[in-house]
């Protein structure tokens, strides 16, 4: 009786093992056939087409608000949006735009910033800029501020802004 039970169990288990093996092979084959967009090569290709340069920040006190200015160049044939920014030096970071309306200066947060294909976006004082909210440390001339720019295509591009007096 014991051997009959073992045979019955192994008949039930064997087909399940085969199914698991077949499903695993099919998953690997599908991934290879379709290509994984998150490969290191794909990320490197995207970062080669999307560049950040001329990044600098204003000096500011701890707990205050700071400003970062930079240029984003998109050499790709497809536009992309800057959708987020992180830094360990502030509670949060946002893209803001300064503008004049009816003689009054205003500033407005931009949840996303389009970086058109084959074009650049320049952030400068009095216009677009990265606003560092609630700085966790003071920013003195010569300091380096690490930033990570997050884009709509999934690319997370690290850069560093040097603190300097405008």
Protein backbone atom coordinates (compact mmCIF):
# COMPACT_ATOMS: atom_id res chain seq x y z
CA UNK A 1 0.00 0.00 0.00
CA UNK A 2 2.83 2.34 0.79
CA UNK A 3 4.45 1.86 -2.63
CA UNK A 4 1.14 2.49 -4.37
CA UNK A 5 0.77 5.78 -2.56
CA UNK A 6 4.34 6.78 -3.50
CA UNK A 7 3.74 5.97 -7.13
CA UNK A 8 0.54 7.98 -7.12
CA UNK A 9 2.33 10.96 -5.55
CA UNK A 10 5.22 10.83 -7.97
CA UNK A 11 2.79 10.68 -10.92
CA UNK A 12 1.13 13.85 -9.62
CA UNK A 13 4.44 15.62 -8.89
CA UNK A 14 6.30 14.80 -12.10
CA UNK A 15 3.90 16.56 -14.46
CA UNK A 16 3.98 19.65 -12.19
CA UNK A 17 7.79 19.68 -12.36
CA UNK A 18 7.63 19.46 -16.13
CA UNK A 19 5.10 22.31 -16.25
CA UNK A 20 7.28 24.50 -14.05
CA UNK A 21 10.31 23.73 -16.21
CA UNK A 22 8.43 24.45 -19.43
CA UNK A 23 7.01 27.71 -18.08
CA UNK A 24 10.49 28.80 -16.94
CA UNK A 25 12.02 28.03 -20.34
CA UNK A 26 9.22 29.89 -22.11
CA UNK A 27 9.68 32.95 -19.88
CA UNK A 28 13.41 33.08 -20.59
CA UNK A 29 12.83 32.57 -24.31
CA UNK A 30 10.22 35.32 -24.41
CA UNK A 31 12.48 37.76 -22.54
CA UNK A 32 15.32 37.03 -24.96
CA UNK A 33 13.10 37.36 -28.02
CA UNK A 34 11.45 40.65 -27.03
CA UNK A 35 14.50 42.26 -25.41
CA UNK A 36 14.58 43.80 -21.96
CA UNK A 37 14.46 47.61 -22.13
CA UNK A 38 16.12 47.89 -18.73
CA UNK A 39 19.46 46.39 -19.68
CA UNK A 40 22.65 48.20 -18.82
CA UNK A 41 23.37 48.74 -22.52
CA UNK A 42 19.98 50.41 -23.02
CA UNK A 43 20.50 52.67 -20.00
CA UNK A 44 23.98 53.62 -21.23
CA UNK A 45 22.61 54.40 -24.70
CA UNK A 46 19.88 56.61 -23.21
CA UNK A 47 22.32 58.43 -20.93
CA UNK A 48 24.64 59.04 -23.90
CA UNK A 49 21.75 60.80 -25.66
CA UNK A 50 20.64 62.76 -22.61
CA UNK A 51 23.29 64.95 -20.96
CA UNK A 52 23.30 67.37 -18.04
CA UNK A 53 25.90 70.11 -17.91
CA UNK A 54 26.82 73.51 -16.50
CA UNK A 55 25.18 72.63 -13.16
CA UNK A 56 25.68 75.14 -10.36
CA UNK A 57 23.89 76.12 -7.16
CA UNK A 58 23.60 79.29 -5.11
CA UNK A 59 24.98 79.41 -1.56
CA UNK A 60 22.22 78.97 1.05
CA UNK A 61 21.74 78.30 4.77
CA UNK A 62 20.63 75.01 6.26
CA UNK A 63 16.83 74.84 6.47
CA UNK A 64 16.49 77.47 3.75
CA UNK A 65 15.56 77.16 0.09
CA UNK A 66 18.25 76.84 -2.56
CA UNK A 67 18.41 77.15 -6.33
CA UNK A 68 20.19 74.98 -8.90
CA UNK A 69 20.72 75.92 -12.53
CA UNK A 70 21.75 73.54 -15.30
CA UNK A 71 21.39 72.59 -18.95
CA UNK A 72 19.77 69.38 -20.19
CA UNK A 73 20.66 68.31 -23.74
CA UNK A 74 18.57 65.72 -25.56
CA UNK A 75 20.35 64.30 -28.64
CA UNK A 76 17.67 61.62 -29.10
CA UNK A 77 15.05 61.72 -31.87
CA UNK A 78 12.37 61.41 -29.18
CA UNK A 79 11.45 64.03 -26.60
CA UNK A 80 11.49 63.20 -22.90
CA UNK A 81 10.12 64.81 -19.73
CA UNK A 82 12.03 65.56 -16.56
CA UNK A 83 9.58 64.19 -13.97
CA UNK A 84 11.55 64.24 -10.73
CA UNK A 85 14.70 65.30 -8.93
CA UNK A 86 16.26 63.92 -5.76
CA UNK A 87 19.14 65.05 -3.58
CA UNK A 88 20.29 64.05 -0.10
CA UNK A 89 20.88 67.76 0.65
CA UNK A 90 17.19 68.79 0.74
CA UNK A 91 13.85 67.42 1.92
CA UNK A 92 12.59 67.78 -1.66
CA UNK A 93 13.54 69.24 -5.02
CA UNK A 94 11.21 70.60 -7.70
CA UNK A 95 11.45 72.32 -11.05
CA UNK A 96 10.11 75.87 -10.75
CA UNK A 97 9.62 78.63 -13.26
CA UNK A 98 9.95 82.31 -12.42
CA UNK A 99 7.87 84.74 -14.47
CA UNK A 100 6.46 88.25 -14.44
CA UNK A 101 2.72 88.73 -14.67
CA UNK A 102 1.14 92.19 -14.59
CA UNK A 103 4.29 93.67 -13.09
CA UNK A 104 4.53 91.07 -10.32
CA UNK A 105 7.17 88.36 -10.08
CA UNK A 106 5.69 84.87 -9.63
CA UNK A 107 7.11 81.41 -9.26
CA UNK A 108 5.28 78.23 -10.20
CA UNK A 109 6.20 74.56 -9.71
CA UNK A 110 6.31 72.45 -12.88
CA UNK A 111 5.38 68.78 -12.30
CA UNK A 112 7.10 67.82 -15.57
CA UNK A 113 9.50 69.64 -17.85
CA UNK A 114 9.58 68.73 -21.54
CA UNK A 115 13.02 68.30 -23.08
CA UNK A 116 12.32 68.23 -26.83
CA UNK A 117 14.12 65.90 -29.22
CA UNK A 118 17.37 67.29 -30.63
CA UNK A 119 17.14 70.30 -28.29
CA UNK A 120 18.26 71.70 -24.93
CA UNK A 121 16.55 73.19 -21.91
CA UNK A 122 18.56 75.82 -20.05
CA UNK A 123 17.77 76.60 -16.42
CA UNK A 124 19.01 80.04 -15.30
CA UNK A 125 18.26 82.68 -12.69
CA UNK A 126 14.96 84.43 -13.38
CA UNK A 127 13.55 81.50 -15.36
CA UNK A 128 13.48 77.75 -15.01
CA UNK A 129 15.42 76.34 -12.06
CA UNK A 130 15.57 73.49 -9.58
CA UNK A 131 14.27 74.57 -6.19
CA UNK A 132 15.81 72.77 -3.22
CA UNK A 133 13.29 72.90 -0.38
CA UNK A 134 14.31 72.68 3.28
CA UNK A 135 18.04 72.20 2.83
CA UNK A 136 19.43 69.60 5.22
CA UNK A 137 22.80 71.38 5.28
CA UNK A 138 24.26 74.74 4.36
CA UNK A 139 25.59 75.22 0.83
CA UNK A 140 28.88 77.14 0.78
CA UNK A 141 30.91 78.19 -2.28
CA UNK A 142 32.98 75.25 -3.49
CA UNK A 143 30.58 72.59 -2.14
CA UNK A 144 29.18 69.95 -4.49
CA UNK A 145 25.46 69.14 -4.50
CA UNK A 146 24.60 65.63 -5.75
CA UNK A 147 21.39 65.44 -7.77
CA UNK A 148 19.58 62.65 -9.58
CA UNK A 149 17.31 63.69 -12.43
CA UNK A 150 14.47 61.28 -13.18
CA UNK A 151 13.04 61.18 -16.71
CA UNK A 152 9.81 59.82 -18.16
CA UNK A 153 11.70 57.12 -20.08
CA UNK A 154 12.89 55.62 -16.77
CA UNK A 155 16.41 57.02 -16.94
CA UNK A 156 17.82 58.27 -13.64
CA UNK A 157 20.75 60.54 -14.45
CA UNK A 158 23.11 61.56 -11.63
CA UNK A 159 24.89 64.91 -11.77
CA UNK A 160 26.65 67.31 -9.43
CA UNK A 161 26.12 71.04 -9.05
CA UNK A 162 29.01 73.17 -7.78
CA UNK A 163 28.00 75.87 -5.30
CA UNK A 164 29.15 79.31 -6.41
CA UNK A 165 28.23 82.95 -6.02
CA UNK A 166 26.28 84.13 -9.11
